[in-house]
């Protein structure tokens, strides 16, 4: 087995923990990138990997992104990520979730979990039976916390509007063409918000039935998943899995801006230069999609209510504008500008 520090995506992570519980069937990875600002926080992903090594790569990449996301959002938390390796049928049992909770608890509060791909607030309740280091639990109306998806979608929506203003020169989304890749919790929420504004939407999802149903609901156009990256539009909004912006896909983009909720959208560091060279405005993913972590961290810390969450999410466009302005002034790609800012905040700049 390759040691975690030999992986290309290892970035001086403080710890990478591998867990196995034969009785429940749990196999999991928890990567802690940084605790410079506080306990590492980041959701748990439940996913089937054809190659288990890909789960470690995901945990390394996503935990680093969480360090940057929490730092740029002004949260007193570091970056971590949990990945549960699902079987091909994606079998999820109370026993497996309880075992994952015990794994988290064994870390003594250095990692705090919440929902990510494949997980729900009900799963967080199950995990909370064996650890208190969990957020994203059901909460009363008006309170911070709960399912982070809608809050992530709200932040991405505000970021898309900022991208429209800067790259398209329009003060609203009315009549603006946005192509959305993935219409689950975040992408679907974004689509509904943009539809209310009168945006023209083209959508796609790995689940074609879900895409067609949402297209019918919103008066959008649904296209096959393998076509959405080449749609001619004003904005492309990736809201599915990451690493979709690579040398080939960037060359084929026909948009003025890329602004979406997916994590780790750039496949390699060189792709920051590629998208910048094409004069396509790029919204660094961990800045635009920070709404969900703002929501669950404030829940975990017991700081503020829904109004405080909304106020902090409302700061996302300003952060993007600061990055874009610095990128224009320095001629450095926006993704690199954001990384440099975040590295300073976590004491590595």
C-alpha atoms as a PDB file:
ATOM      1  CA  UNK A   1       0.000   0.000   0.000  1.00  0.00           C
ATOM      2  CA  UNK A   2       1.271   3.464  -0.896  1.00  0.00           C
ATOM      3  CA  UNK A   3       1.855   5.685   2.137  1.00  0.00           C
ATOM      4  CA  UNK A   4      -0.465   8.737   2.231  1.00  0.00           C
ATOM      5  CA  UNK A   5       2.489  11.139   2.133  1.00  0.00           C
ATOM      6  CA  UNK A   6       3.584   9.610  -1.183  1.00  0.00           C
ATOM      7  CA  UNK A   7       0.334  10.642  -2.890  1.00  0.00           C
ATOM      8  CA  UNK A   8       0.625  13.643  -5.261  1.00  0.00           C
ATOM      9  CA  UNK A   9      -2.142  15.434  -3.342  1.00  0.00           C
ATOM     10  CA  UNK A  10      -0.447  15.138   0.043  1.00  0.00           C
ATOM     11  CA  UNK A  11       0.181  18.728   1.185  1.00  0.00           C
ATOM     12  CA  UNK A  12       1.886  18.516   4.573  1.00  0.00           C
ATOM     13  CA  UNK A  13      -1.314  17.127   6.063  1.00  0.00           C
ATOM     14  CA  UNK A  14      -1.147  16.880   9.833  1.00  0.00           C
ATOM     15  CA  UNK A  15      -2.686  13.402   9.843  1.00  0.00           C
ATOM     16  CA  UNK A  16      -4.330  10.811   7.636  1.00  0.00           C
ATOM     17  CA  UNK A  17      -6.322   8.178   9.549  1.00  0.00           C
ATOM     18  CA  UNK A  18      -7.525   4.882   8.063  1.00  0.00           C
ATOM     19  CA  UNK A  19     -10.360   3.083   9.850  1.00  0.00           C
ATOM     20  CA  UNK A  20     -11.738  -0.427   9.463  1.00  0.00           C
ATOM     21  CA  UNK A  21     -14.572  -2.013  11.462  1.00  0.00           C
ATOM     22  CA  UNK A  22     -15.218  -5.518  10.175  1.00  0.00           C
ATOM     23  CA  UNK A  23     -18.406  -6.030  12.183  1.00  0.00           C
ATOM     24  CA  UNK A  24     -20.218  -3.098  10.534  1.00  0.00           C
ATOM     25  CA  UNK A  25     -18.356  -3.158   7.224  1.00  0.00           C
ATOM     26  CA  UNK A  26     -16.898   0.306   7.743  1.00  0.00           C
ATOM     27  CA  UNK A  27     -13.848   1.313   5.758  1.00  0.00           C
ATOM     28  CA  UNK A  28     -13.110   5.013   6.053  1.00  0.00           C
ATOM     29  CA  UNK A  29     -10.469   7.696   5.692  1.00  0.00           C
ATOM     30  CA  UNK A  30     -10.268  10.885   7.742  1.00  0.00           C
ATOM     31  CA  UNK A  31      -7.674  13.393   6.556  1.00  0.00           C
ATOM     32  CA  UNK A  32      -6.712  16.375   8.695  1.00  0.00           C
ATOM     33  CA  UNK A  33      -4.961  19.035   6.661  1.00  0.00           C
ATOM     34  CA  UNK A  34      -4.630  21.851   9.191  1.00  0.00           C
ATOM     35  CA  UNK A  35      -5.735  22.751  12.723  1.00  0.00           C
ATOM     36  CA  UNK A  36      -3.960  26.124  12.678  1.00  0.00           C
ATOM     37  CA  UNK A  37      -7.209  28.051  13.101  1.00  0.00           C
ATOM     38  CA  UNK A  38      -9.107  25.437  15.133  1.00  0.00           C
ATOM     39  CA  UNK A  39     -10.399  21.867  14.955  1.00  0.00           C
ATOM     40  CA  UNK A  40     -10.526  20.529  11.407  1.00  0.00           C
ATOM     41  CA  UNK A  41     -14.029  20.671   9.939  1.00  0.00           C
ATOM     42  CA  UNK A  42     -15.379  19.152   6.755  1.00  0.00           C
ATOM     43  CA  UNK A  43     -18.205  16.881   5.698  1.00  0.00           C
ATOM     44  CA  UNK A  44     -18.151  13.127   5.308  1.00  0.00           C
ATOM     45  CA  UNK A  45     -18.512  11.690   1.809  1.00  0.00           C
ATOM     46  CA  UNK A  46     -20.175   8.280   1.192  1.00  0.00           C
ATOM     47  CA  UNK A  47     -19.047   7.012  -2.183  1.00  0.00           C
ATOM     48  CA  UNK A  48     -18.147   3.839  -4.041  1.00  0.00           C
ATOM     49  CA  UNK A  49     -14.626   3.868  -5.478  1.00  0.00           C
ATOM     50  CA  UNK A  50     -13.546   1.289  -8.040  1.00  0.00           C
ATOM     51  CA  UNK A  51     -10.003   1.851  -6.747  1.00  0.00           C
ATOM     52  CA  UNK A  52      -9.833   2.359  -2.939  1.00  0.00           C
ATOM     53  CA  UNK A  53      -6.718   4.501  -3.390  1.00  0.00           C
ATOM     54  CA  UNK A  54      -8.976   7.123  -4.976  1.00  0.00           C
ATOM     55  CA  UNK A  55     -10.704   7.531  -1.602  1.00  0.00           C
ATOM     56  CA  UNK A  56      -7.424   8.623  -0.045  1.00  0.00           C
ATOM     57  CA  UNK A  57      -6.821  11.040  -2.911  1.00  0.00           C
ATOM     58  CA  UNK A  58     -10.303  12.486  -2.399  1.00  0.00           C
ATOM     59  CA  UNK A  59      -9.745  12.866   1.346  1.00  0.00           C
ATOM     60  CA  UNK A  60      -6.409  14.616   0.786  1.00  0.00           C
ATOM     61  CA  UNK A  61      -7.753  17.014  -1.840  1.00  0.00           C
ATOM     62  CA  UNK A  62     -10.989  17.779  -0.047  1.00  0.00           C
ATOM     63  CA  UNK A  63      -9.401  18.332   3.372  1.00  0.00           C
ATOM     64  CA  UNK A  64      -6.955  20.831   1.907  1.00  0.00           C
ATOM     65  CA  UNK A  65      -9.875  22.582   0.250  1.00  0.00           C
ATOM     66  CA  UNK A  66     -11.649  22.727   3.600  1.00  0.00           C
ATOM     67  CA  UNK A  67      -8.642  24.410   5.226  1.00  0.00           C
ATOM     68  CA  UNK A  68      -8.809  27.082   2.550  1.00  0.00           C
ATOM     69  CA  UNK A  69     -12.610  27.300   2.619  1.00  0.00           C
ATOM     70  CA  UNK A  70     -12.871  27.764   6.380  1.00  0.00           C
ATOM     71  CA  UNK A  71     -10.009  30.255   6.437  1.00  0.00           C
ATOM     72  CA  UNK A  72     -11.395  32.373   3.600  1.00  0.00           C
ATOM     73  CA  UNK A  73     -14.861  32.330   5.203  1.00  0.00           C
ATOM     74  CA  UNK A  74     -13.407  33.735   8.430  1.00  0.00           C
ATOM     75  CA  UNK A  75     -14.285  30.655  10.480  1.00  0.00           C
ATOM     76  CA  UNK A  76     -12.197  29.541  13.502  1.00  0.00           C
ATOM     77  CA  UNK A  77     -11.797  26.028  12.111  1.00  0.00           C
ATOM     78  CA  UNK A  78      -9.164  24.058  10.264  1.00  0.00           C
ATOM     79  CA  UNK A  79      -9.648  21.693   7.350  1.00  0.00           C
ATOM     80  CA  UNK A  80     -10.513  18.009   7.412  1.00  0.00           C
ATOM     81  CA  UNK A  81     -12.556  15.508   5.448  1.00  0.00           C
ATOM     82  CA  UNK A  82     -14.084  12.108   6.005  1.00  0.00           C
ATOM     83  CA  UNK A  83     -14.598   9.549   3.251  1.00  0.00           C
ATOM     84  CA  UNK A  84     -16.590   6.365   3.804  1.00  0.00           C
ATOM     85  CA  UNK A  85     -15.958   3.738   1.142  1.00  0.00           C
ATOM     86  CA  UNK A  86     -19.347   2.405   0.055  1.00  0.00           C
ATOM     87  CA  UNK A  87     -19.869  -1.004  -1.506  1.00  0.00           C
ATOM     88  CA  UNK A  88     -21.190  -1.141  -5.096  1.00  0.00           C
ATOM     89  CA  UNK A  89     -24.779  -1.177  -3.792  1.00  0.00           C
ATOM     90  CA  UNK A  90     -24.034   1.782  -1.482  1.00  0.00           C
ATOM     91  CA  UNK A  91     -25.233  -0.156   1.552  1.00  0.00           C
ATOM     92  CA  UNK A  92     -25.545   2.174   4.527  1.00  0.00           C
ATOM     93  CA  UNK A  93     -26.564   0.790   7.933  1.00  0.00           C
ATOM     94  CA  UNK A  94     -26.992   2.265  11.424  1.00  0.00           C
ATOM     95  CA  UNK A  95     -24.118   0.051  12.555  1.00  0.00           C
ATOM     96  CA  UNK A  96     -21.801   1.455   9.889  1.00  0.00           C
ATOM     97  CA  UNK A  97     -22.684   5.036  10.785  1.00  0.00           C
ATOM     98  CA  UNK A  98     -22.223   4.350  14.486  1.00  0.00           C
ATOM     99  CA  UNK A  99     -18.798   2.871  13.750  1.00  0.00           C
ATOM    100  CA  UNK A 100     -17.870   5.968  11.767  1.00  0.00           C
ATOM    101  CA  UNK A 101     -18.955   8.079  14.735  1.00  0.00           C
ATOM    102  CA  UNK A 102     -16.657   6.076  17.019  1.00  0.00           C
ATOM    103  CA  UNK A 103     -13.824   6.630  14.558  1.00  0.00           C
ATOM    104  CA  UNK A 104     -14.399  10.387  14.717  1.00  0.00           C
ATOM    105  CA  UNK A 105     -14.629  10.292  18.488  1.00  0.00           C
ATOM    106  CA  UNK A 106     -11.281   8.510  18.756  1.00  0.00           C
ATOM    107  CA  UNK A 107      -9.643  11.655  17.361  1.00  0.00           C
ATOM    108  CA  UNK A 108     -10.619  13.640  20.451  1.00  0.00           C
ATOM    109  CA  UNK A 109     -12.267  16.586  18.708  1.00  0.00           C
ATOM    110  CA  UNK A 110      -9.573  17.232  16.096  1.00  0.00           C
ATOM    111  CA  UNK A 111     -12.133  16.524  13.354  1.00  0.00           C
ATOM    112  CA  UNK A 112     -15.772  17.675  13.155  1.00  0.00           C
ATOM    113  CA  UNK A 113     -18.008  16.127  10.499  1.00  0.00           C
ATOM    114  CA  UNK A 114     -21.189  17.095   8.637  1.00  0.00           C
ATOM    115  CA  UNK A 115     -22.979  16.105   5.410  1.00  0.00           C
ATOM    116  CA  UNK A 116     -21.291  15.744   2.050  1.00  0.00           C
ATOM    117  CA  UNK A 117     -22.065  13.707  -1.064  1.00  0.00           C
ATOM    118  CA  UNK A 118     -24.102  10.618  -0.222  1.00  0.00           C
ATOM    119  CA  UNK A 119     -24.919  11.697   3.345  1.00  0.00           C
ATOM    120  CA  UNK A 120     -28.009  13.272   4.932  1.00  0.00           C
ATOM    121  CA  UNK A 121     -28.977  15.053   8.131  1.00  0.00           C
ATOM    122  CA  UNK A 122     -30.568  11.782   9.271  1.00  0.00           C
ATOM    123  CA  UNK A 123     -27.139  10.150   8.881  1.00  0.00           C
ATOM    124  CA  UNK A 124     -25.666  12.882  11.074  1.00  0.00           C
ATOM    125  CA  UNK A 125     -28.201  12.004  13.761  1.00  0.00           C
ATOM    126  CA  UNK A 126     -27.034   8.378  13.603  1.00  0.00           C
ATOM    127  CA  UNK A 127     -23.387   9.426  13.798  1.00  0.00           C
ATOM    128  CA  UNK A 128     -24.197  11.672  16.758  1.00  0.00           C
ATOM    129  CA  UNK A 129     -25.157   8.575  18.757  1.00  0.00           C
ATOM    130  CA  UNK A 130     -21.450   7.794  19.159  1.00  0.00           C
ATOM    131  CA  UNK A 131     -19.733  11.214  18.965  1.00  0.00           C
ATOM    132  CA  UNK A 132     -20.529  14.833  19.740  1.00  0.00           C
ATOM    133  CA  UNK A 133     -18.129  16.079  17.073  1.00  0.00           C
ATOM    134  CA  UNK A 134     -20.811  16.322  14.415  1.00  0.00           C
ATOM    135  CA  UNK A 135     -22.900  19.105  12.905  1.00  0.00           C
ATOM    136  CA  UNK A 136     -25.538  19.445  10.223  1.00  0.00           C
ATOM    137  CA  UNK A 137     -28.165  18.020  12.586  1.00  0.00           C
ATOM    138  CA  UNK A 138     -31.866  18.890  12.249  1.00  0.00           C
ATOM    139  CA  UNK A 139     -32.520  22.228  13.960  1.00  0.00           C
ATOM    140  CA  UNK A 140     -35.462  24.440  14.804  1.00  0.00           C
ATOM    141  CA  UNK A 141     -36.642  27.020  12.293  1.00  0.00           C
ATOM    142  CA  UNK A 142     -34.507  30.152  12.421  1.00  0.00           C
ATOM    143  CA  UNK A 143     -31.506  28.401  13.946  1.00  0.00           C
ATOM    144  CA  UNK A 144     -28.087  27.933  12.369  1.00  0.00           C
ATOM    145  CA  UNK A 145     -27.399  24.414  11.150  1.00  0.00           C
ATOM    146  CA  UNK A 146     -29.295  21.579   9.555  1.00  0.00           C
ATOM    147  CA  UNK A 147     -28.859  20.404   5.978  1.00  0.00           C
ATOM    148  CA  UNK A 148     -26.051  22.568   4.524  1.00  0.00           C
ATOM    149  CA  UNK A 149     -27.189  22.066   0.915  1.00  0.00           C
ATOM    150  CA  UNK A 150     -29.657  24.956   0.645  1.00  0.00           C
ATOM    151  CA  UNK A 151     -27.219  27.385   2.261  1.00  0.00           C
ATOM    152  CA  UNK A 152     -24.447  26.269  -0.070  1.00  0.00           C
ATOM    153  CA  UNK A 153     -26.829  26.816  -2.986  1.00  0.00           C
ATOM    154  CA  UNK A 154     -27.642  30.317  -1.737  1.00  0.00           C
ATOM    155  CA  UNK A 155     -23.962  31.249  -1.548  1.00  0.00           C
ATOM    156  CA  UNK A 156     -23.267  29.836  -5.005  1.00  0.00           C
ATOM    157  CA  UNK A 157     -26.234  31.776  -6.368  1.00  0.00           C
ATOM    158  CA  UNK A 158     -24.833  35.025  -4.939  1.00  0.00           C
ATOM    159  CA  UNK A 159     -21.446  34.155  -6.428  1.00  0.00           C
ATOM    160  CA  UNK A 160     -22.978  33.458  -9.835  1.00  0.00           C
ATOM    161  CA  UNK A 161     -24.658  36.865  -9.734  1.00  0.00           C
ATOM    162  CA  UNK A 162     -21.280  38.439  -8.952  1.00  0.00           C
ATOM    163  CA  UNK A 163     -19.733  36.580 -11.898  1.00  0.00           C
ATOM    164  CA  UNK A 164     -22.561  37.770 -14.162  1.00  0.00           C
ATOM    165  CA  UNK A 165     -21.941  41.375 -13.136  1.00  0.00           C
ATOM    166  CA  UNK A 166     -18.220  41.154 -13.784  1.00  0.00           C
ATOM    167  CA  UNK A 167     -18.028  38.896 -16.839  1.00  0.00           C
ATOM    168  CA  UNK A 168     -21.338  39.563 -18.585  1.00  0.00           C
ATOM    169  CA  UNK A 169     -21.963  43.150 -17.505  1.00  0.00           C
ATOM    170  CA  UNK A 170     -25.520  42.527 -16.330  1.00  0.00           C
ATOM    171  CA  UNK A 171     -26.986  43.535 -12.965  1.00  0.00           C
ATOM    172  CA  UNK A 172     -29.314  40.540 -12.755  1.00  0.00           C
ATOM    173  CA  UNK A 173     -29.620  37.001 -14.057  1.00  0.00           C
ATOM    174  CA  UNK A 174     -32.693  37.825 -16.151  1.00  0.00           C
ATOM    175  CA  UNK A 175     -32.103  36.557 -19.659  1.00  0.00           C
ATOM    176  CA  UNK A 176     -28.582  35.332 -18.811  1.00  0.00           C
ATOM    177  CA  UNK A 177     -27.773  31.796 -19.978  1.00  0.00           C
ATOM    178  CA  UNK A 178     -26.391  29.542 -17.227  1.00  0.00           C
ATOM    179  CA  UNK A 179     -25.386  25.921 -17.815  1.00  0.00           C
ATOM    180  CA  UNK A 180     -25.561  23.866 -14.613  1.00  0.00           C
ATOM    181  CA  UNK A 181     -23.731  20.558 -14.262  1.00  0.00           C
ATOM    182  CA  UNK A 182     -25.439  18.504 -11.533  1.00  0.00           C
ATOM    183  CA  UNK A 183     -28.883  19.347 -10.118  1.00  0.00           C
ATOM    184  CA  UNK A 184     -28.778  17.655  -6.738  1.00  0.00           C
ATOM    185  CA  UNK A 185     -29.139  19.583  -3.489  1.00  0.00           C
ATOM    186  CA  UNK A 186     -26.807  22.437  -4.451  1.00  0.00           C
ATOM    187  CA  UNK A 187     -27.228  22.544  -8.224  1.00  0.00           C
ATOM    188  CA  UNK A 188     -30.964  22.070  -7.971  1.00  0.00           C
ATOM    189  CA  UNK A 189     -31.269  24.837  -5.399  1.00  0.00           C
ATOM    190  CA  UNK A 190     -29.193  27.119  -7.593  1.00  0.00           C
ATOM    191  CA  UNK A 191     -31.343  26.326 -10.624  1.00  0.00           C
ATOM    192  CA  UNK A 192     -34.532  27.244  -8.783  1.00  0.00           C
ATOM    193  CA  UNK A 193     -33.098  30.550  -7.569  1.00  0.00           C
ATOM    194  CA  UNK A 194     -31.875  31.486 -11.045  1.00  0.00           C
ATOM    195  CA  UNK A 195     -35.173  30.440 -12.616  1.00  0.00           C
ATOM    196  CA  UNK A 196     -36.993  32.872 -10.308  1.00  0.00           C
ATOM    197  CA  UNK A 197     -34.760  35.612 -11.701  1.00  0.00           C
ATOM    198  CA  UNK A 198     -35.682  34.725 -15.272  1.00  0.00           C
ATOM    199  CA  UNK A 199     -32.363  33.150 -16.256  1.00  0.00           C
ATOM    200  CA  UNK A 200     -32.156  30.874 -19.274  1.00  0.00           C
ATOM    201  CA  UNK A 201     -31.062  27.469 -17.959  1.00  0.00           C
ATOM    202  CA  UNK A 202     -29.457  24.435 -19.558  1.00  0.00           C
ATOM    203  CA  UNK A 203     -28.992  21.598 -17.077  1.00  0.00           C
ATOM    204  CA  UNK A 204     -27.531  18.116 -16.916  1.00  0.00           C
ATOM    205  CA  UNK A 205     -27.087  15.428 -14.291  1.00  0.00           C
ATOM    206  CA  UNK A 206     -25.627  11.939 -14.106  1.00  0.00           C
ATOM    207  CA  UNK A 207     -29.219  10.934 -13.324  1.00  0.00           C
ATOM    208  CA  UNK A 208     -30.874  11.900 -16.592  1.00  0.00           C
ATOM    209  CA  UNK A 209     -34.376  11.440 -15.169  1.00  0.00           C
ATOM    210  CA  UNK A 210     -33.651  13.957 -12.430  1.00  0.00           C
ATOM    211  CA  UNK A 211     -32.376  16.461 -14.990  1.00  0.00           C
ATOM    212  CA  UNK A 212     -35.430  16.031 -17.213  1.00  0.00           C
ATOM    213  CA  UNK A 213     -37.800  16.376 -14.248  1.00  0.00           C
ATOM    214  CA  UNK A 214     -36.152  19.601 -13.129  1.00  0.00           C
ATOM    215  CA  UNK A 215     -36.114  20.937 -16.680  1.00  0.00           C
ATOM    216  CA  UNK A 216     -39.859  20.352 -16.874  1.00  0.00           C
ATOM    217  CA  UNK A 217     -40.369  22.052 -13.510  1.00  0.00           C
ATOM    218  CA  UNK A 218     -38.337  25.149 -14.363  1.00  0.00           C
ATOM    219  CA  UNK A 219     -38.805  25.476 -18.107  1.00  0.00           C
ATOM    220  CA  UNK A 220     -35.126  24.674 -18.643  1.00  0.00           C
ATOM    221  CA  UNK A 221     -33.397  22.614 -21.332  1.00  0.00           C
ATOM    222  CA  UNK A 222     -31.922  19.259 -20.282  1.00  0.00           C
ATOM    223  CA  UNK A 223     -28.928  17.870 -22.157  1.00  0.00           C
ATOM    224  CA  UNK A 224     -26.926  14.657 -21.703  1.00  0.00           C
ATOM    225  CA  UNK A 225     -24.316  14.816 -18.944  1.00  0.00           C
ATOM    226  CA  UNK A 226     -21.455  14.489 -21.409  1.00  0.00           C
ATOM    227  CA  UNK A 227     -22.579  17.595 -23.320  1.00  0.00           C
ATOM    228  CA  UNK A 228     -23.017  20.207 -20.588  1.00  0.00           C
ATOM    229  CA  UNK A 229     -19.336  21.269 -20.521  1.00  0.00           C
ATOM    230  CA  UNK A 230     -19.454  22.375 -24.164  1.00  0.00           C
ATOM    231  CA  UNK A 231     -22.776  24.258 -24.102  1.00  0.00           C
ATOM    232  CA  UNK A 232     -22.469  27.818 -25.357  1.00  0.00           C
ATOM    233  CA  UNK A 233     -23.669  29.976 -22.457  1.00  0.00           C
ATOM    234  CA  UNK A 234     -22.738  32.991 -20.356  1.00  0.00           C
ATOM    235  CA  UNK A 235     -21.834  31.007 -17.229  1.00  0.00           C
ATOM    236  CA  UNK A 236     -20.971  27.373 -16.557  1.00  0.00           C
ATOM    237  CA  UNK A 237     -21.826  26.282 -13.021  1.00  0.00           C
ATOM    238  CA  UNK A 238     -20.251  22.930 -12.055  1.00  0.00           C
ATOM    239  CA  UNK A 239     -22.226  21.510  -9.128  1.00  0.00           C
ATOM    240  CA  UNK A 240     -21.339  17.815  -9.221  1.00  0.00           C
ATOM    241  CA  UNK A 241     -18.023  16.077  -8.498  1.00  0.00           C
ATOM    242  CA  UNK A 242     -14.635  17.705  -8.972  1.00  0.00           C
ATOM    243  CA  UNK A 243     -11.650  17.639 -11.333  1.00  0.00           C
ATOM    244  CA  UNK A 244     -13.826  18.505 -14.324  1.00  0.00           C
ATOM    245  CA  UNK A 245     -11.679  21.426 -15.525  1.00  0.00           C
ATOM    246  CA  UNK A 246      -8.665  19.945 -17.261  1.00  0.00           C
ATOM    247  CA  UNK A 247      -6.614  20.717 -20.364  1.00  0.00           C
ATOM    248  CA  UNK A 248      -9.152  19.209 -22.766  1.00  0.00           C
ATOM    249  CA  UNK A 249     -12.344  20.537 -21.146  1.00  0.00           C
ATOM    250  CA  UNK A 250     -11.002  24.076 -20.661  1.00  0.00           C
ATOM    251  CA  UNK A 251     -10.091  24.240 -24.337  1.00  0.00           C
ATOM    252  CA  UNK A 252     -13.687  23.361 -25.242  1.00  0.00           C
ATOM    253  CA  UNK A 253     -15.441  25.818 -22.877  1.00  0.00           C
ATOM    254  CA  UNK A 254     -17.766  28.336 -24.546  1.00  0.00           C
ATOM    255  CA  UNK A 255     -18.616  30.588 -21.603  1.00  0.00           C
ATOM    256  CA  UNK A 256     -17.512  33.897 -20.113  1.00  0.00           C
ATOM    257  CA  UNK A 257     -17.347  32.605 -16.553  1.00  0.00           C
ATOM    258  CA  UNK A 258     -17.153  29.413 -14.487  1.00  0.00           C
ATOM    259  CA  UNK A 259     -18.831  29.698 -11.089  1.00  0.00           C
ATOM    260  CA  UNK A 260     -20.218  26.652  -9.338  1.00  0.00           C
ATOM    261  CA  UNK A 261     -20.545  24.653  -6.157  1.00  0.00           C
ATOM    262  CA  UNK A 262     -18.426  21.566  -6.897  1.00  0.00           C
ATOM    263  CA  UNK A 263     -15.273  21.070  -4.836  1.00  0.00           C
ATOM    264  CA  UNK A 264     -11.834  20.817  -6.454  1.00  0.00           C
ATOM    265  CA  UNK A 265     -13.005  21.808  -9.924  1.00  0.00           C
ATOM    266  CA  UNK A 266      -9.473  22.240 -11.292  1.00  0.00           C
ATOM    267  CA  UNK A 267      -7.939  18.866 -12.091  1.00  0.00           C
ATOM    268  CA  UNK A 268      -4.353  20.118 -11.697  1.00  0.00           C
ATOM    269  CA  UNK A 269      -2.658  23.367 -10.611  1.00  0.00           C
ATOM    270  CA  UNK A 270      -1.744  24.022 -14.249  1.00  0.00           C
ATOM    271  CA  UNK A 271      -5.434  24.308 -15.088  1.00  0.00           C
ATOM    272  CA  UNK A 272      -5.598  27.594 -13.167  1.00  0.00           C
ATOM    273  CA  UNK A 273      -3.243  29.038 -15.772  1.00  0.00           C
ATOM    274  CA  UNK A 274      -5.178  27.467 -18.633  1.00  0.00           C
ATOM    275  CA  UNK A 275      -8.551  28.960 -17.692  1.00  0.00           C
ATOM    276  CA  UNK A 276      -6.906  32.326 -16.973  1.00  0.00           C
ATOM    277  CA  UNK A 277      -5.185  32.279 -20.360  1.00  0.00           C
ATOM    278  CA  UNK A 278      -8.560  31.876 -22.034  1.00  0.00           C
ATOM    279  CA  UNK A 279      -9.848  35.017 -20.258  1.00  0.00           C
ATOM    280  CA  UNK A 280     -12.633  33.030 -18.598  1.00  0.00           C
ATOM    281  CA  UNK A 281     -13.580  34.422 -15.198  1.00  0.00           C
ATOM    282  CA  UNK A 282     -13.148  31.706 -12.577  1.00  0.00           C
ATOM    283  CA  UNK A 283     -14.742  31.699  -9.118  1.00  0.00           C
ATOM    284  CA  UNK A 284     -12.465  29.672  -6.799  1.00  0.00           C
ATOM    285  CA  UNK A 285     -14.686  26.829  -5.618  1.00  0.00           C
ATOM    286  CA  UNK A 286     -13.858  26.944  -1.915  1.00  0.00           C
ATOM    287  CA  UNK A 287     -14.802  30.635  -1.802  1.00  0.00           C
ATOM    288  CA  UNK A 288     -18.092  30.493  -3.699  1.00  0.00           C
ATOM    289  CA  UNK A 289     -19.354  27.276  -2.058  1.00  0.00           C
ATOM    290  CA  UNK A 290     -18.639  28.188   1.575  1.00  0.00           C
ATOM    291  CA  UNK A 291     -22.289  28.711   2.559  1.00  0.00           C
ATOM    292  CA  UNK A 292     -22.817  25.198   3.839  1.00  0.00           C
ATOM    293  CA  UNK A 293     -19.765  25.114   6.092  1.00  0.00           C
ATOM    294  CA  UNK A 294     -20.650  28.554   7.466  1.00  0.00           C
ATOM    295  CA  UNK A 295     -24.056  27.145   8.383  1.00  0.00           C
ATOM    296  CA  UNK A 296     -22.847  23.982  10.128  1.00  0.00           C
ATOM    297  CA  UNK A 297     -19.844  25.572  11.862  1.00  0.00           C
ATOM    298  CA  UNK A 298     -22.016  28.247  13.444  1.00  0.00           C
ATOM    299  CA  UNK A 299     -24.339  25.431  14.548  1.00  0.00           C
ATOM    300  CA  UNK A 300     -21.443  23.462  16.067  1.00  0.00           C
ATOM    301  CA  UNK A 301     -19.997  26.508  17.832  1.00  0.00           C
ATOM    302  CA  UNK A 302     -23.415  27.754  18.983  1.00  0.00           C
ATOM    303  CA  UNK A 303     -22.692  31.163  17.502  1.00  0.00           C
ATOM    304  CA  UNK A 304     -25.582  33.055  15.963  1.00  0.00           C
ATOM    305  CA  UNK A 305     -28.807  32.145  14.233  1.00  0.00           C
ATOM    306  CA  UNK A 306     -30.126  31.955  10.683  1.00  0.00           C
ATOM    307  CA  UNK A 307     -29.816  35.728  10.307  1.00  0.00           C
ATOM    308  CA  UNK A 308     -26.115  35.514  11.192  1.00  0.00           C
ATOM    309  CA  UNK A 309     -25.629  32.673   8.716  1.00  0.00           C
ATOM    310  CA  UNK A 310     -27.306  34.696   5.965  1.00  0.00           C
ATOM    311  CA  UNK A 311     -25.204  37.758   6.780  1.00  0.00           C
ATOM    312  CA  UNK A 312     -21.983  35.774   6.503  1.00  0.00           C
ATOM    313  CA  UNK A 313     -23.058  34.036   3.308  1.00  0.00           C
ATOM    314  CA  UNK A 314     -23.807  37.500   1.939  1.00  0.00           C
ATOM    315  CA  UNK A 315     -20.084  38.287   2.168  1.00  0.00           C
ATOM    316  CA  UNK A 316     -19.172  35.694  -0.481  1.00  0.00           C
ATOM    317  CA  UNK A 317     -19.566  38.065  -3.486  1.00  0.00           C
ATOM    318  CA  UNK A 318     -17.267  40.611  -1.849  1.00  0.00           C
ATOM    319  CA  UNK A 319     -14.575  37.995  -1.322  1.00  0.00           C
ATOM    320  CA  UNK A 320     -14.825  36.960  -4.954  1.00  0.00           C
ATOM    321  CA  UNK A 321     -14.605  40.559  -6.112  1.00  0.00           C
ATOM    322  CA  UNK A 322     -11.450  41.063  -4.031  1.00  0.00           C
ATOM    323  CA  UNK A 323      -9.867  37.985  -5.626  1.00  0.00           C
ATOM    324  CA  UNK A 324     -10.846  39.016  -9.150  1.00  0.00           C
ATOM    325  CA  UNK A 325      -9.578  42.561  -8.632  1.00  0.00           C
ATOM    326  CA  UNK A 326      -6.224  41.290  -7.372  1.00  0.00           C
ATOM    327  CA  UNK A 327      -6.075  38.842 -10.272  1.00  0.00           C
ATOM    328  CA  UNK A 328      -6.659  41.650 -12.771  1.00  0.00           C
ATOM    329  CA  UNK A 329      -4.092  43.903 -11.126  1.00  0.00           C
ATOM    330  CA  UNK A 330      -1.385  41.241 -10.801  1.00  0.00           C
ATOM    331  CA  UNK A 331      -2.260  39.211 -13.924  1.00  0.00           C
ATOM    332  CA  UNK A 332      -2.135  36.127 -11.700  1.00  0.00           C
ATOM    333  CA  UNK A 333      -4.908  33.503 -12.107  1.00  0.00           C
ATOM    334  CA  UNK A 334      -7.782  33.943  -9.664  1.00  0.00           C
ATOM    335  CA  UNK A 335      -7.282  30.413  -8.311  1.00  0.00           C
ATOM    336  CA  UNK A 336      -3.649  31.202  -7.483  1.00  0.00           C
ATOM    337  CA  UNK A 337      -4.597  34.504  -5.852  1.00  0.00           C
ATOM    338  CA  UNK A 338      -7.134  32.726  -3.642  1.00  0.00           C
ATOM    339  CA  UNK A 339      -4.658  29.981  -2.702  1.00  0.00           C
ATOM    340  CA  UNK A 340      -2.069  32.552  -1.662  1.00  0.00           C
ATOM    341  CA  UNK A 341      -4.598  34.382   0.497  1.00  0.00           C
ATOM    342  CA  UNK A 342      -5.719  31.161   2.155  1.00  0.00           C
ATOM    343  CA  UNK A 343      -2.166  29.907   2.743  1.00  0.00           C
ATOM    344  CA  UNK A 344      -1.346  33.079   4.647  1.00  0.00           C
ATOM    345  CA  UNK A 345      -4.429  32.672   6.798  1.00  0.00           C
ATOM    346  CA  UNK A 346      -3.481  29.133   7.832  1.00  0.00           C
ATOM    347  CA  UNK A 347       0.116  30.110   8.590  1.00  0.00           C
ATOM    348  CA  UNK A 348       1.722  28.575   5.518  1.00  0.00           C
ATOM    349  CA  UNK A 349       2.125  31.637   3.338  1.00  0.00           C
END
